[in-house]
Structures are given as C-alpha cells and as structure tokens.
Amino acid sequence: MSKKKVALLILDGWGIGPDYEGNAINNAKTPTLDMISHAFPRTQLQASGQAVGLPKGESGNTETGHLNIGAGRVVYQDLPRINMSVSSGDFFKNEALLKAVNHQKKHDSNLHLIGMIGQGGVHSVNEHLYALLRLAKEQKVSKLYLHLITDGRDSAPASAINYLQEVQKEISDIGVGEIATVIGRYYAMDRDKRYERTQVAYDALVGGVGEKSA
C-alpha cells in the first residue's frame, strides 16, 4: 500500500475578511490560491479567541495558531487556564501555592508575591493577584508582602495609579497583604540586558532602596 504525502502550509497573516478597498488580500491577484480554493475541498478556521485557547475576543497570534493546528485541538493558553482554575476552585488547591503558604505558617516567615499589575493580559491580569490574596486569607497567612510592577506598555501609560488604588482596595476588602514595593517594568523587566536598570529593581526588592511612601 503506497503512502500518500500531505503538506501543511501556513501563510502567516493571510485570512478571510470583508471585501472592501482596504482588503489587500482580496484586491491582489492570487491565481494559484484561487485555483486551489475552487478545485479542492476547503473550510474556514477561527484563529482568535476561545477557538485557539485565548480569552473571548482576544486577537490570535502566530504561536497560538501553530500550537492549535499542530495539536489538532484547542490548547488553552496560560491566561484562560488560570481563569478557569480560579472559577472551578482548583486554583485554591494548587500544591505549589499551598506549599509556599504552609512554609510561611510553619516558620512564621514573610511570604512575598512579585508580579505586574494591570489588565493588559500579556503579563498580568489583576484578578489573578486577587485570587492569591483570597487564598492567603483562606489559609490564614499573617505576613504577606506585595512587590508590584507597573506596566505602561500593555496597559495605558498613566494607568498605574488607578491600578494601585484598585489593589489597595482589594487588600482592605479581603483583609490580608501589604504593598512593599512598586517598580516600573522599565527596571524590573528589562529585556535589553541593561543591568543598571535591573539593579534599581534589585536594590529596591532586596535592600529596600528607593523613595519612601507613607
């Protein structure tokens, strides 16, 4: 029995959209693709949102598209996986999180959480932090300190003050936690190997070096 070969070809950025003067694909001459489309079976694939494991309404990207096509099923990305875990309650049974909590209680030590705040959906969604606060409250954690990284890239440039106020309100409402440091991502998440930036964040986190706020 002879084996038939199949080729999977992906055209990044090529899609199906409304036919109007700004649609470059529809306005281009594509005789080969037109022939394939008419001569062979075809269908349409949704390449964004929940169809590729992203939150509803979120644009797709190369990585998620390739991952889902290669797997042949919906592969949920980190953000919706965490969201579903929080909704189902599994988040509050996570062994790694409970291990950290139990260590704090056993040794009466400080529990530190570091991460970005904001709703950009790339590196942060505030609801995940609030879930951690609820977990800490549920587990009776006594010493919880937050080291918050402000965004300004995936979130609006001047939005940090609003998010900080929101976080402070959640801390008060839930009844656990204290903001220890606030650092911009320019310093805390530098990607250019500029250690003079990273050192500013390091000194604030480790040595408490920085401007004090009441």
N, C-alpha and C. Protein backbone atom coordinates (compact mmCIF):
# COMPACT_ATOMS: atom_id res chain seq x y z
N MET A 1 0.84 -1.19 0.00
CA MET A 1 0.00 0.00 0.00
C MET A 1 0.89 1.25 0.00
N SER A 2 0.70 2.09 -0.97
CA SER A 2 1.53 3.29 -1.09
C SER A 2 1.05 4.36 -0.11
N LYS A 3 2.02 5.08 0.42
CA LYS A 3 1.70 6.15 1.35
C LYS A 3 1.58 7.47 0.60
N LYS A 4 0.52 8.19 0.88
CA LYS A 4 0.32 9.49 0.26
C LYS A 4 0.90 10.58 1.16
N LYS A 5 1.58 11.51 0.55
CA LYS A 5 2.20 12.59 1.31
C LYS A 5 1.24 13.78 1.42
N VAL A 6 1.28 14.40 2.56
CA VAL A 6 0.45 15.58 2.82
C VAL A 6 1.36 16.71 3.29
N ALA A 7 1.14 17.88 2.76
CA ALA A 7 1.93 19.05 3.16
C ALA A 7 1.04 20.03 3.91
N LEU A 8 1.52 20.50 5.04
CA LEU A 8 0.82 21.53 5.80
C LEU A 8 1.53 22.85 5.55
N LEU A 9 0.87 23.75 4.84
CA LEU A 9 1.45 25.04 4.50
C LEU A 9 0.68 26.15 5.21
N ILE A 10 1.38 27.01 5.89
CA ILE A 10 0.75 28.09 6.65
C ILE A 10 1.22 29.43 6.11
N LEU A 11 0.28 30.28 5.74
CA LEU A 11 0.60 31.63 5.29
C LEU A 11 0.31 32.59 6.43
N ASP A 12 1.34 33.02 7.12
CA ASP A 12 1.16 33.92 8.25
C ASP A 12 0.51 35.24 7.81
N GLY A 13 -0.54 35.62 8.51
CA GLY A 13 -1.19 36.89 8.22
C GLY A 13 -2.24 36.83 7.13
N TRP A 14 -2.38 35.67 6.51
CA TRP A 14 -3.35 35.51 5.43
C TRP A 14 -4.68 35.08 6.03
N GLY A 15 -5.73 35.82 5.71
CA GLY A 15 -7.01 35.48 6.30
C GLY A 15 -8.18 35.85 5.41
N ILE A 16 -9.37 35.62 5.92
CA ILE A 16 -10.61 35.91 5.20
C ILE A 16 -11.31 37.06 5.91
N GLY A 17 -11.58 38.12 5.18
CA GLY A 17 -12.22 39.28 5.78
C GLY A 17 -13.19 39.94 4.82
N PRO A 18 -13.86 40.99 5.26
CA PRO A 18 -14.81 41.71 4.41
C PRO A 18 -14.15 42.22 3.13
N ASP A 19 -14.89 42.18 2.03
CA ASP A 19 -14.37 42.63 0.74
C ASP A 19 -14.58 44.14 0.61
N TYR A 20 -13.52 44.89 0.82
CA TYR A 20 -13.59 46.35 0.67
C TYR A 20 -12.24 46.82 0.14
N GLU A 21 -12.16 48.09 -0.19
CA GLU A 21 -10.97 48.60 -0.88
C GLU A 21 -9.69 48.50 -0.04
N GLY A 22 -9.82 48.39 1.26
CA GLY A 22 -8.64 48.29 2.11
C GLY A 22 -8.19 46.86 2.36
N ASN A 23 -8.89 45.88 1.78
CA ASN A 23 -8.51 44.48 1.96
C ASN A 23 -7.49 44.09 0.89
N ALA A 24 -6.21 44.11 1.26
CA ALA A 24 -5.14 43.86 0.30
C ALA A 24 -5.20 42.46 -0.29
N ILE A 25 -5.61 41.49 0.51
CA ILE A 25 -5.67 40.11 0.03
C ILE A 25 -6.73 39.97 -1.06
N ASN A 26 -7.91 40.52 -0.81
CA ASN A 26 -8.98 40.43 -1.81
C ASN A 26 -8.66 41.21 -3.07
N ASN A 27 -7.90 42.28 -2.94
CA ASN A 27 -7.59 43.11 -4.09
C ASN A 27 -6.38 42.61 -4.88
N ALA A 28 -5.65 41.68 -4.31
CA ALA A 28 -4.46 41.15 -5.00
C ALA A 28 -4.86 40.08 -6.01
N LYS A 29 -4.01 39.85 -6.99
CA LYS A 29 -4.21 38.76 -7.95
C LYS A 29 -3.54 37.51 -7.40
N THR A 30 -4.35 36.50 -7.10
CA THR A 30 -3.82 35.27 -6.50
C THR A 30 -4.33 34.06 -7.27
N PRO A 31 -3.90 33.87 -8.52
CA PRO A 31 -4.44 32.79 -9.35
C PRO A 31 -4.23 31.39 -8.77
N THR A 32 -3.08 31.14 -8.17
CA THR A 32 -2.81 29.80 -7.63
C THR A 32 -3.73 29.49 -6.46
N LEU A 33 -3.85 30.42 -5.54
CA LEU A 33 -4.73 30.21 -4.39
C LEU A 33 -6.19 30.14 -4.82
N ASP A 34 -6.56 30.93 -5.82
CA ASP A 34 -7.93 30.87 -6.34
C ASP A 34 -8.22 29.49 -6.92
N MET A 35 -7.26 28.94 -7.64
CA MET A 35 -7.44 27.62 -8.23
C MET A 35 -7.59 26.56 -7.15
N ILE A 36 -6.72 26.61 -6.14
CA ILE A 36 -6.78 25.64 -5.05
C ILE A 36 -8.12 25.74 -4.32
N SER A 37 -8.58 26.97 -4.10
CA SER A 37 -9.82 27.19 -3.38
C SER A 37 -11.03 26.63 -4.11
N HIS A 38 -11.00 26.69 -5.45
CA HIS A 38 -12.14 26.22 -6.23
C HIS A 38 -12.05 24.74 -6.60
N ALA A 39 -10.85 24.21 -6.69
CA ALA A 39 -10.68 22.84 -7.18
C ALA A 39 -10.67 21.80 -6.07
N PHE A 40 -10.44 22.23 -4.84
CA PHE A 40 -10.30 21.26 -3.75
C PHE A 40 -11.21 21.64 -2.57
N PRO A 41 -11.54 20.65 -1.73
CA PRO A 41 -12.38 20.95 -0.56
C PRO A 41 -11.71 21.99 0.34
N ARG A 42 -12.50 22.83 0.94
CA ARG A 42 -11.94 23.87 1.81
C ARG A 42 -12.92 24.19 2.93
N THR A 43 -12.42 24.81 3.96
CA THR A 43 -13.25 25.26 5.07
C THR A 43 -12.58 26.46 5.72
N GLN A 44 -13.26 27.09 6.63
CA GLN A 44 -12.72 28.25 7.33
C GLN A 44 -12.40 27.89 8.78
N LEU A 45 -11.31 28.43 9.28
CA LEU A 45 -10.91 28.21 10.67
C LEU A 45 -10.94 29.53 11.42
N GLN A 46 -11.45 29.50 12.63
CA GLN A 46 -11.39 30.68 13.50
C GLN A 46 -10.00 30.72 14.14
N ALA A 47 -9.35 31.86 14.09
CA ALA A 47 -7.95 31.94 14.53
C ALA A 47 -7.76 32.90 15.70
N SER A 48 -8.82 33.15 16.46
CA SER A 48 -8.69 34.06 17.60
C SER A 48 -9.62 33.62 18.72
N GLY A 49 -9.47 34.24 19.86
CA GLY A 49 -10.38 33.99 20.97
C GLY A 49 -10.36 32.57 21.48
N GLN A 50 -11.51 32.12 21.94
CA GLN A 50 -11.62 30.81 22.58
C GLN A 50 -11.33 29.66 21.63
N ALA A 51 -11.45 29.90 20.33
CA ALA A 51 -11.19 28.84 19.35
C ALA A 51 -9.74 28.37 19.38
N VAL A 52 -8.83 29.25 19.82
CA VAL A 52 -7.42 28.88 19.91
C VAL A 52 -6.91 28.98 21.35
N GLY A 53 -7.82 28.88 22.31
CA GLY A 53 -7.42 28.83 23.70
C GLY A 53 -7.10 30.16 24.33
N LEU A 54 -7.55 31.26 23.71
CA LEU A 54 -7.35 32.59 24.25
C LEU A 54 -8.65 33.10 24.87
N PRO A 55 -8.61 34.16 25.67
CA PRO A 55 -9.85 34.73 26.20
C PRO A 55 -10.75 35.21 25.07
N LYS A 56 -12.05 35.23 25.31
CA LYS A 56 -13.03 35.64 24.31
C LYS A 56 -12.71 37.03 23.79
N GLY A 57 -12.68 37.16 22.46
CA GLY A 57 -12.45 38.45 21.83
C GLY A 57 -11.00 38.84 21.64
N GLU A 58 -10.07 38.04 22.16
CA GLU A 58 -8.65 38.40 22.04
C GLU A 58 -8.10 37.96 20.69
N SER A 59 -7.31 38.81 20.07
CA SER A 59 -6.74 38.51 18.76
C SER A 59 -5.78 37.33 18.85
N GLY A 60 -5.76 36.53 17.80
CA GLY A 60 -4.83 35.41 17.75
C GLY A 60 -3.43 35.88 17.41
N ASN A 61 -2.49 34.95 17.43
CA ASN A 61 -1.11 35.26 17.07
C ASN A 61 -0.46 34.01 16.48
N THR A 62 0.72 34.17 15.97
CA THR A 62 1.41 33.07 15.29
C THR A 62 1.57 31.86 16.20
N GLU A 63 2.04 32.09 17.42
CA GLU A 63 2.33 30.98 18.33
C GLU A 63 1.10 30.15 18.64
N THR A 64 0.00 30.82 19.01
CA THR A 64 -1.21 30.08 19.36
C THR A 64 -1.80 29.38 18.15
N GLY A 65 -1.75 30.03 17.00
CA GLY A 65 -2.27 29.40 15.79
C GLY A 65 -1.53 28.12 15.44
N HIS A 66 -0.21 28.17 15.44
CA HIS A 66 0.60 26.99 15.12
C HIS A 66 0.40 25.90 16.16
N LEU A 67 0.31 26.30 17.43
CA LEU A 67 0.16 25.33 18.51
C LEU A 67 -1.14 24.55 18.38
N ASN A 68 -2.23 25.24 18.07
CA ASN A 68 -3.53 24.58 17.96
C ASN A 68 -3.62 23.71 16.71
N ILE A 69 -3.08 24.20 15.60
CA ILE A 69 -3.09 23.40 14.37
C ILE A 69 -2.25 22.14 14.56
N GLY A 70 -1.08 22.30 15.18
CA GLY A 70 -0.21 21.15 15.40
C GLY A 70 -0.81 20.12 16.33
N ALA A 71 -1.55 20.58 17.34
CA ALA A 71 -2.15 19.67 18.31
C ALA A 71 -3.45 19.05 17.79
N GLY A 72 -4.10 19.75 16.86
CA GLY A 72 -5.37 19.24 16.35
C GLY A 72 -6.52 19.41 17.33
N ARG A 73 -6.34 20.26 18.30
CA ARG A 73 -7.38 20.51 19.31
C ARG A 73 -7.14 21.89 19.91
N VAL A 74 -8.08 22.34 20.72
CA VAL A 74 -7.91 23.63 21.39
C VAL A 74 -6.89 23.47 22.52
N VAL A 75 -5.85 24.27 22.48
CA VAL A 75 -4.83 24.26 23.54
C VAL A 75 -4.97 25.57 24.30
N TYR A 76 -5.46 25.49 25.51
CA TYR A 76 -5.70 26.70 26.29
C TYR A 76 -4.39 27.34 26.72
N GLN A 77 -4.29 28.65 26.53
CA GLN A 77 -3.11 29.39 26.92
C GLN A 77 -3.14 29.68 28.42
N ASP A 78 -2.04 30.22 28.93
CA ASP A 78 -1.90 30.39 30.37
C ASP A 78 -3.03 31.21 30.98
N LEU A 79 -3.38 32.32 30.34
CA LEU A 79 -4.38 33.22 30.91
C LEU A 79 -5.73 32.54 31.10
N PRO A 80 -6.33 31.94 30.06
CA PRO A 80 -7.62 31.28 30.28
C PRO A 80 -7.52 30.05 31.18
N ARG A 81 -6.37 29.38 31.18
CA ARG A 81 -6.19 28.22 32.07
C ARG A 81 -6.26 28.66 33.53
N ILE A 82 -5.59 29.77 33.84
CA ILE A 82 -5.63 30.27 35.21
C ILE A 82 -7.03 30.75 35.55
N ASN A 83 -7.68 31.44 34.60
CA ASN A 83 -9.05 31.91 34.84
C ASN A 83 -9.98 30.75 35.16
N MET A 84 -9.87 29.68 34.38
CA MET A 84 -10.73 28.51 34.61
C MET A 84 -10.41 27.85 35.94
N SER A 85 -9.13 27.84 36.30
CA SER A 85 -8.71 27.25 37.57
C SER A 85 -9.29 28.02 38.75
N VAL A 86 -9.30 29.34 38.64
CA VAL A 86 -9.88 30.17 39.70
C VAL A 86 -11.38 29.94 39.79
N SER A 87 -12.05 29.91 38.64
CA SER A 87 -13.51 29.73 38.61
C SER A 87 -13.93 28.38 39.18
N SER A 88 -13.15 27.34 38.87
CA SER A 88 -13.51 25.99 39.32
C SER A 88 -13.12 25.73 40.78
N GLY A 89 -12.23 26.56 41.31
CA GLY A 89 -11.76 26.35 42.68
C GLY A 89 -10.47 25.57 42.76
N ASP A 90 -10.01 25.00 41.63
CA ASP A 90 -8.78 24.22 41.64
C ASP A 90 -7.56 25.08 42.00
N PHE A 91 -7.64 26.36 41.67
CA PHE A 91 -6.55 27.29 41.97
C PHE A 91 -6.21 27.26 43.46
N PHE A 92 -7.23 27.17 44.29
CA PHE A 92 -7.04 27.25 45.74
C PHE A 92 -6.59 25.92 46.34
N LYS A 93 -6.43 24.91 45.47
CA LYS A 93 -5.91 23.61 45.90
C LYS A 93 -4.54 23.32 45.27
N ASN A 94 -4.00 24.31 44.57
CA ASN A 94 -2.72 24.13 43.88
C ASN A 94 -1.62 23.77 44.87
N GLU A 95 -0.95 22.64 44.64
CA GLU A 95 0.04 22.13 45.58
C GLU A 95 1.22 23.07 45.77
N ALA A 96 1.67 23.68 44.69
CA ALA A 96 2.83 24.58 44.78
C ALA A 96 2.48 25.81 45.62
N LEU A 97 1.28 26.35 45.41
CA LEU A 97 0.87 27.52 46.18
C LEU A 97 0.67 27.17 47.65
N LEU A 98 0.05 26.03 47.91
CA LEU A 98 -0.18 25.62 49.30
C LEU A 98 1.12 25.31 50.01
N LYS A 99 2.10 24.80 49.27
CA LYS A 99 3.41 24.52 49.87
C LYS A 99 4.06 25.80 50.37
N ALA A 100 3.98 26.86 49.56
CA ALA A 100 4.54 28.15 49.96
C ALA A 100 3.80 28.72 51.17
N VAL A 101 2.48 28.59 51.15
CA VAL A 101 1.66 29.08 52.26
C VAL A 101 1.98 28.33 53.55
N ASN A 102 2.08 27.02 53.46
CA ASN A 102 2.35 26.21 54.65
C ASN A 102 3.74 26.49 55.22
N HIS A 103 4.70 26.76 54.34
CA HIS A 103 6.05 27.11 54.80
C HIS A 103 6.00 28.41 55.61
N GLN A 104 5.24 29.38 55.14
CA GLN A 104 5.13 30.65 55.86
C GLN A 104 4.52 30.44 57.24
N LYS A 105 3.48 29.64 57.30
CA LYS A 105 2.81 29.42 58.57
C LYS A 105 3.67 28.62 59.54
N LYS A 106 4.39 27.64 59.01
CA LYS A 106 5.23 26.79 59.86
C LYS A 106 6.36 27.57 60.50
N HIS A 107 6.98 28.47 59.71
CA HIS A 107 8.16 29.19 60.19
C HIS A 107 7.86 30.63 60.60
N ASP A 108 6.59 31.03 60.52
CA ASP A 108 6.20 32.41 60.81
C ASP A 108 7.08 33.40 60.04
N SER A 109 7.32 33.07 58.79
CA SER A 109 8.18 33.89 57.93
C SER A 109 7.34 34.84 57.09
N ASN A 110 8.00 35.60 56.24
CA ASN A 110 7.30 36.51 55.34
C ASN A 110 7.03 35.83 54.01
N LEU A 111 5.85 36.01 53.48
CA LEU A 111 5.51 35.49 52.15
C LEU A 111 5.48 36.66 51.17
N HIS A 112 6.32 36.59 50.16
CA HIS A 112 6.44 37.68 49.19
C HIS A 112 5.82 37.28 47.85
N LEU A 113 5.05 38.16 47.27
CA LEU A 113 4.49 37.96 45.93
C LEU A 113 5.01 39.09 45.04
N ILE A 114 5.56 38.73 43.89
CA ILE A 114 6.05 39.74 42.96
C ILE A 114 5.41 39.52 41.60
N GLY A 115 4.94 40.59 40.99
CA GLY A 115 4.33 40.46 39.67
C GLY A 115 3.79 41.79 39.18
N MET A 116 3.42 41.80 37.93
CA MET A 116 2.90 43.02 37.32
C MET A 116 1.42 43.20 37.65
N ILE A 117 1.01 44.46 37.75
CA ILE A 117 -0.41 44.77 37.89
C ILE A 117 -0.89 45.46 36.62
N GLY A 118 -2.18 45.30 36.33
CA GLY A 118 -2.75 45.86 35.12
C GLY A 118 -3.62 44.83 34.44
N GLN A 119 -4.31 45.26 33.41
CA GLN A 119 -5.23 44.38 32.71
C GLN A 119 -4.79 44.16 31.27
N GLY A 120 -3.50 44.27 31.01
CA GLY A 120 -3.00 44.10 29.64
C GLY A 120 -3.21 42.71 29.09
N GLY A 121 -3.27 41.71 29.98
CA GLY A 121 -3.50 40.34 29.54
C GLY A 121 -2.28 39.66 28.96
N VAL A 122 -1.15 40.35 28.93
CA VAL A 122 0.09 39.74 28.43
C VAL A 122 0.90 39.19 29.59
N HIS A 123 1.23 40.05 30.53
CA HIS A 123 1.98 39.64 31.72
C HIS A 123 1.13 39.72 32.98
N SER A 124 -0.05 40.26 32.88
CA SER A 124 -0.82 40.47 34.11
C SER A 124 -2.31 40.58 33.85
N VAL A 125 -3.06 40.06 34.82
CA VAL A 125 -4.50 40.30 34.95
C VAL A 125 -4.74 40.39 36.45
N ASN A 126 -5.25 41.50 36.90
CA ASN A 126 -5.35 41.74 38.35
C ASN A 126 -6.14 40.68 39.10
N GLU A 127 -7.10 40.05 38.44
CA GLU A 127 -7.92 39.05 39.11
C GLU A 127 -7.07 37.88 39.63
N HIS A 128 -5.95 37.61 38.98
CA HIS A 128 -5.09 36.53 39.46
C HIS A 128 -4.44 36.90 40.79
N LEU A 129 -4.05 38.16 40.92
CA LEU A 129 -3.50 38.63 42.20
C LEU A 129 -4.55 38.56 43.29
N TYR A 130 -5.77 38.95 42.96
CA TYR A 130 -6.84 38.94 43.96
C TYR A 130 -7.17 37.51 44.39
N ALA A 131 -7.03 36.57 43.46
CA ALA A 131 -7.23 35.16 43.82
C ALA A 131 -6.16 34.71 44.80
N LEU A 132 -4.93 35.17 44.60
CA LEU A 132 -3.85 34.85 45.54
C LEU A 132 -4.11 35.45 46.91
N LEU A 133 -4.65 36.66 46.93
CA LEU A 133 -4.99 37.29 48.21
C LEU A 133 -6.08 36.49 48.93
N ARG A 134 -7.07 36.03 48.18
CA ARG A 134 -8.15 35.24 48.79
C ARG A 134 -7.61 33.92 49.32
N LEU A 135 -6.68 33.33 48.56
CA LEU A 135 -6.06 32.08 49.02
C LEU A 135 -5.31 32.32 50.33
N ALA A 136 -4.55 33.41 50.39
CA ALA A 136 -3.79 33.73 51.60
C ALA A 136 -4.73 33.96 52.79
N LYS A 137 -5.83 34.64 52.55
CA LYS A 137 -6.80 34.89 53.61
C LYS A 137 -7.43 33.58 54.08
N GLU A 138 -7.80 32.75 53.12
CA GLU A 138 -8.41 31.46 53.43
C GLU A 138 -7.48 30.58 54.25
N GLN A 139 -6.17 30.67 53.95
CA GLN A 139 -5.18 29.84 54.63
C GLN A 139 -4.60 30.52 55.87
N LYS A 140 -5.13 31.69 56.22
CA LYS A 140 -4.72 32.42 57.42
C LYS A 140 -3.24 32.80 57.39
N VAL A 141 -2.79 33.29 56.25
CA VAL A 141 -1.42 33.81 56.14
C VAL A 141 -1.35 35.15 56.86
N SER A 142 -0.34 35.33 57.70
CA SER A 142 -0.27 36.54 58.52
C SER A 142 0.65 37.61 57.97
N LYS A 143 1.68 37.22 57.24
CA LYS A 143 2.67 38.18 56.75
C LYS A 143 2.83 38.05 55.24
N LEU A 144 2.08 38.86 54.52
CA LEU A 144 2.08 38.80 53.05
C LEU A 144 2.47 40.16 52.49
N TYR A 145 3.51 40.18 51.67
CA TYR A 145 4.02 41.44 51.13
C TYR A 145 4.02 41.40 49.60
N LEU A 146 3.49 42.45 49.01
CA LEU A 146 3.35 42.52 47.55
C LEU A 146 4.41 43.43 46.96
N HIS A 147 5.09 42.93 45.95
CA HIS A 147 6.07 43.72 45.21
C HIS A 147 5.50 43.89 43.80
N LEU A 148 4.95 45.05 43.55
CA LEU A 148 4.15 45.28 42.35
C LEU A 148 4.98 45.96 41.25
N ILE A 149 4.84 45.44 40.04
CA ILE A 149 5.50 46.01 38.87
C ILE A 149 4.43 46.71 38.04
N THR A 150 4.63 47.99 37.78
CA THR A 150 3.66 48.72 36.97
C THR A 150 3.97 48.54 35.49
N ASP A 151 2.94 48.68 34.66
CA ASP A 151 3.06 48.34 33.24
C ASP A 151 3.40 49.56 32.40
N GLY A 152 2.40 50.13 31.75
CA GLY A 152 2.63 51.29 30.90
C GLY A 152 2.95 50.95 29.47
N ARG A 153 3.01 49.68 29.15
CA ARG A 153 3.25 49.26 27.76
C ARG A 153 2.05 48.49 27.23
N ASP A 154 1.67 47.42 27.93
CA ASP A 154 0.47 46.67 27.53
C ASP A 154 -0.79 47.28 28.14
N SER A 155 -0.60 48.14 29.13
CA SER A 155 -1.69 48.94 29.69
C SER A 155 -1.39 50.41 29.39
N ALA A 156 -2.38 51.27 29.57
CA ALA A 156 -2.19 52.69 29.28
C ALA A 156 -1.05 53.27 30.10
N PRO A 157 -0.26 54.18 29.52
CA PRO A 157 0.93 54.72 30.20
C PRO A 157 0.68 55.32 31.58
N ALA A 158 -0.46 55.97 31.77
CA ALA A 158 -0.71 56.65 33.05
C ALA A 158 -1.72 55.90 33.92
N SER A 159 -1.89 54.61 33.68
CA SER A 159 -2.94 53.86 34.37
C SER A 159 -2.48 53.28 35.71
N ALA A 160 -1.19 53.34 36.01
CA ALA A 160 -0.66 52.67 37.21
C ALA A 160 -1.33 53.14 38.49
N ILE A 161 -1.55 54.45 38.61
CA ILE A 161 -2.12 54.97 39.86
C ILE A 161 -3.51 54.40 40.10
N ASN A 162 -4.29 54.22 39.04
CA ASN A 162 -5.63 53.64 39.19
C ASN A 162 -5.55 52.19 39.62
N TYR A 163 -4.63 51.44 39.03
CA TYR A 163 -4.48 50.03 39.39
C TYR A 163 -3.97 49.88 40.82
N LEU A 164 -3.08 50.76 41.24
CA LEU A 164 -2.58 50.71 42.62
C LEU A 164 -3.71 50.97 43.61
N GLN A 165 -4.57 51.91 43.29
CA GLN A 165 -5.71 52.20 44.16
C GLN A 165 -6.66 51.00 44.21
N GLU A 166 -6.83 50.37 43.06
CA GLU A 166 -7.70 49.18 42.99
C GLU A 166 -7.13 48.05 43.84
N VAL A 167 -5.81 47.83 43.72
CA VAL A 167 -5.16 46.78 44.51
C VAL A 167 -5.28 47.08 46.00
N GLN A 168 -5.05 48.33 46.37
CA GLN A 168 -5.14 48.71 47.78
C GLN A 168 -6.54 48.46 48.33
N LYS A 169 -7.55 48.73 47.53
CA LYS A 169 -8.93 48.49 47.96
C LYS A 169 -9.18 47.00 48.17
N GLU A 170 -8.67 46.17 47.24
CA GLU A 170 -8.84 44.72 47.38
C GLU A 170 -8.13 44.21 48.64
N ILE A 171 -6.95 44.75 48.91
CA ILE A 171 -6.23 44.36 50.12
C ILE A 171 -7.07 44.66 51.36
N SER A 172 -7.68 45.84 51.38
CA SER A 172 -8.52 46.24 52.51
C SER A 172 -9.77 45.38 52.61
N ASP A 173 -10.41 45.12 51.47
CA ASP A 173 -11.65 44.34 51.47
C ASP A 173 -11.41 42.89 51.87
N ILE A 174 -10.33 42.29 51.35
CA ILE A 174 -10.04 40.88 51.64
C ILE A 174 -9.44 40.73 53.03
N GLY A 175 -8.65 41.73 53.43
CA GLY A 175 -8.12 41.72 54.78
C GLY A 175 -6.78 41.04 54.94
N VAL A 176 -5.97 41.04 53.90
CA VAL A 176 -4.63 40.45 54.01
C VAL A 176 -3.73 41.10 52.98
N GLY A 177 -2.44 41.22 53.34
CA GLY A 177 -1.46 41.75 52.40
C GLY A 177 -1.08 43.19 52.66
N GLU A 178 0.10 43.54 52.16
CA GLU A 178 0.62 44.89 52.30
C GLU A 178 1.54 45.17 51.11
N ILE A 179 1.40 46.33 50.50
CA ILE A 179 2.27 46.70 49.38
C ILE A 179 3.63 47.08 49.94
N ALA A 180 4.68 46.37 49.48
CA ALA A 180 6.03 46.61 49.97
C ALA A 180 6.84 47.48 49.01
N THR A 181 6.76 47.17 47.71
CA THR A 181 7.49 47.96 46.72
C THR A 181 6.64 48.13 45.47
N VAL A 182 6.90 49.22 44.76
CA VAL A 182 6.28 49.48 43.46
C VAL A 182 7.40 49.88 42.51
N ILE A 183 7.54 49.12 41.41
CA ILE A 183 8.64 49.33 40.48
C ILE A 183 8.10 49.30 39.05
N GLY A 184 8.57 50.18 38.20
CA GLY A 184 8.17 50.18 36.80
C GLY A 184 8.81 49.03 36.03
N ARG A 185 8.13 48.54 35.01
CA ARG A 185 8.64 47.41 34.23
C ARG A 185 9.91 47.77 33.47
N TYR A 186 10.14 49.05 33.22
CA TYR A 186 11.37 49.50 32.56
C TYR A 186 12.59 49.02 33.33
N TYR A 187 12.46 48.94 34.65
CA TYR A 187 13.56 48.49 35.50
C TYR A 187 13.43 47.01 35.85
N ALA A 188 12.25 46.60 36.27
CA ALA A 188 12.07 45.24 36.79
C ALA A 188 11.99 44.18 35.70
N MET A 189 11.68 44.58 34.46
CA MET A 189 11.51 43.59 33.39
C MET A 189 12.30 43.99 32.15
N ASP A 190 13.49 44.55 32.35
CA ASP A 190 14.33 44.97 31.23
C ASP A 190 14.71 43.76 30.38
N ARG A 191 14.59 43.90 29.05
CA ARG A 191 14.91 42.81 28.13
C ARG A 191 16.21 43.05 27.37
N ASP A 192 16.82 44.18 27.60
CA ASP A 192 17.98 44.57 26.80
C ASP A 192 19.31 44.29 27.49
N LYS A 193 19.26 43.50 28.56
CA LYS A 193 20.48 43.14 29.31
C LYS A 193 21.20 44.38 29.83
N ARG A 194 20.41 45.37 30.23
CA ARG A 194 20.95 46.59 30.83
C ARG A 194 20.88 46.45 32.35
N TYR A 195 21.95 45.93 32.92
CA TYR A 195 21.90 45.61 34.35
C TYR A 195 21.72 46.84 35.22
N GLU A 196 22.13 48.02 34.72
CA GLU A 196 21.94 49.21 35.54
C GLU A 196 20.46 49.47 35.79
N ARG A 197 19.61 49.00 34.88
CA ARG A 197 18.17 49.11 35.11
C ARG A 197 17.71 48.03 36.11
N THR A 198 18.13 46.81 35.84
CA THR A 198 17.74 45.70 36.71
C THR A 198 18.21 45.95 38.14
N GLN A 199 19.38 46.57 38.29
CA GLN A 199 19.92 46.80 39.63
C GLN A 199 19.03 47.73 40.45
N VAL A 200 18.38 48.68 39.79
CA VAL A 200 17.45 49.57 40.50
C VAL A 200 16.33 48.74 41.14
N ALA A 201 15.79 47.79 40.37
CA ALA A 201 14.74 46.91 40.89
C ALA A 201 15.30 46.00 41.98
N TYR A 202 16.47 45.45 41.74
CA TYR A 202 17.11 44.54 42.71
C TYR A 202 17.33 45.24 44.04
N ASP A 203 17.88 46.44 43.99
CA ASP A 203 18.16 47.18 45.22
C ASP A 203 16.89 47.50 45.99
N ALA A 204 15.82 47.80 45.26
CA ALA A 204 14.54 48.09 45.92
C ALA A 204 13.98 46.83 46.58
N LEU A 205 14.05 45.70 45.88
CA LEU A 205 13.48 44.46 46.39
C LEU A 205 14.30 43.88 47.54
N VAL A 206 15.61 43.88 47.38
CA VAL A 206 16.48 43.21 48.35
C VAL A 206 16.93 44.14 49.48
N GLY A 207 17.23 45.39 49.12
CA GLY A 207 17.77 46.30 50.12
C GLY A 207 16.83 47.38 50.59
N GLY A 208 15.65 47.45 50.00
CA GLY A 208 14.70 48.49 50.40
C GLY A 208 15.14 49.88 49.98
N VAL A 209 15.96 49.94 48.92
CA VAL A 209 16.47 51.22 48.44
C VAL A 209 15.46 51.85 47.48
N GLY A 210 15.05 53.07 47.76
CA GLY A 210 14.09 53.74 46.88
C GLY A 210 13.39 54.86 47.62
N GLU A 211 12.49 55.51 46.94
CA GLU A 211 11.72 56.58 47.57
C GLU A 211 10.67 55.98 48.49
N LYS A 212 10.57 56.52 49.68
CA LYS A 212 9.62 56.02 50.66
C LYS A 212 8.26 56.71 50.48
N SER A 213 7.21 55.94 50.69
CA SER A 213 5.85 56.48 50.59
C SER A 213 5.08 56.10 51.84
N ALA A 214 4.32 57.02 52.35
CA ALA A 214 3.56 56.75 53.57
C ALA A 214 2.42 55.78 53.28
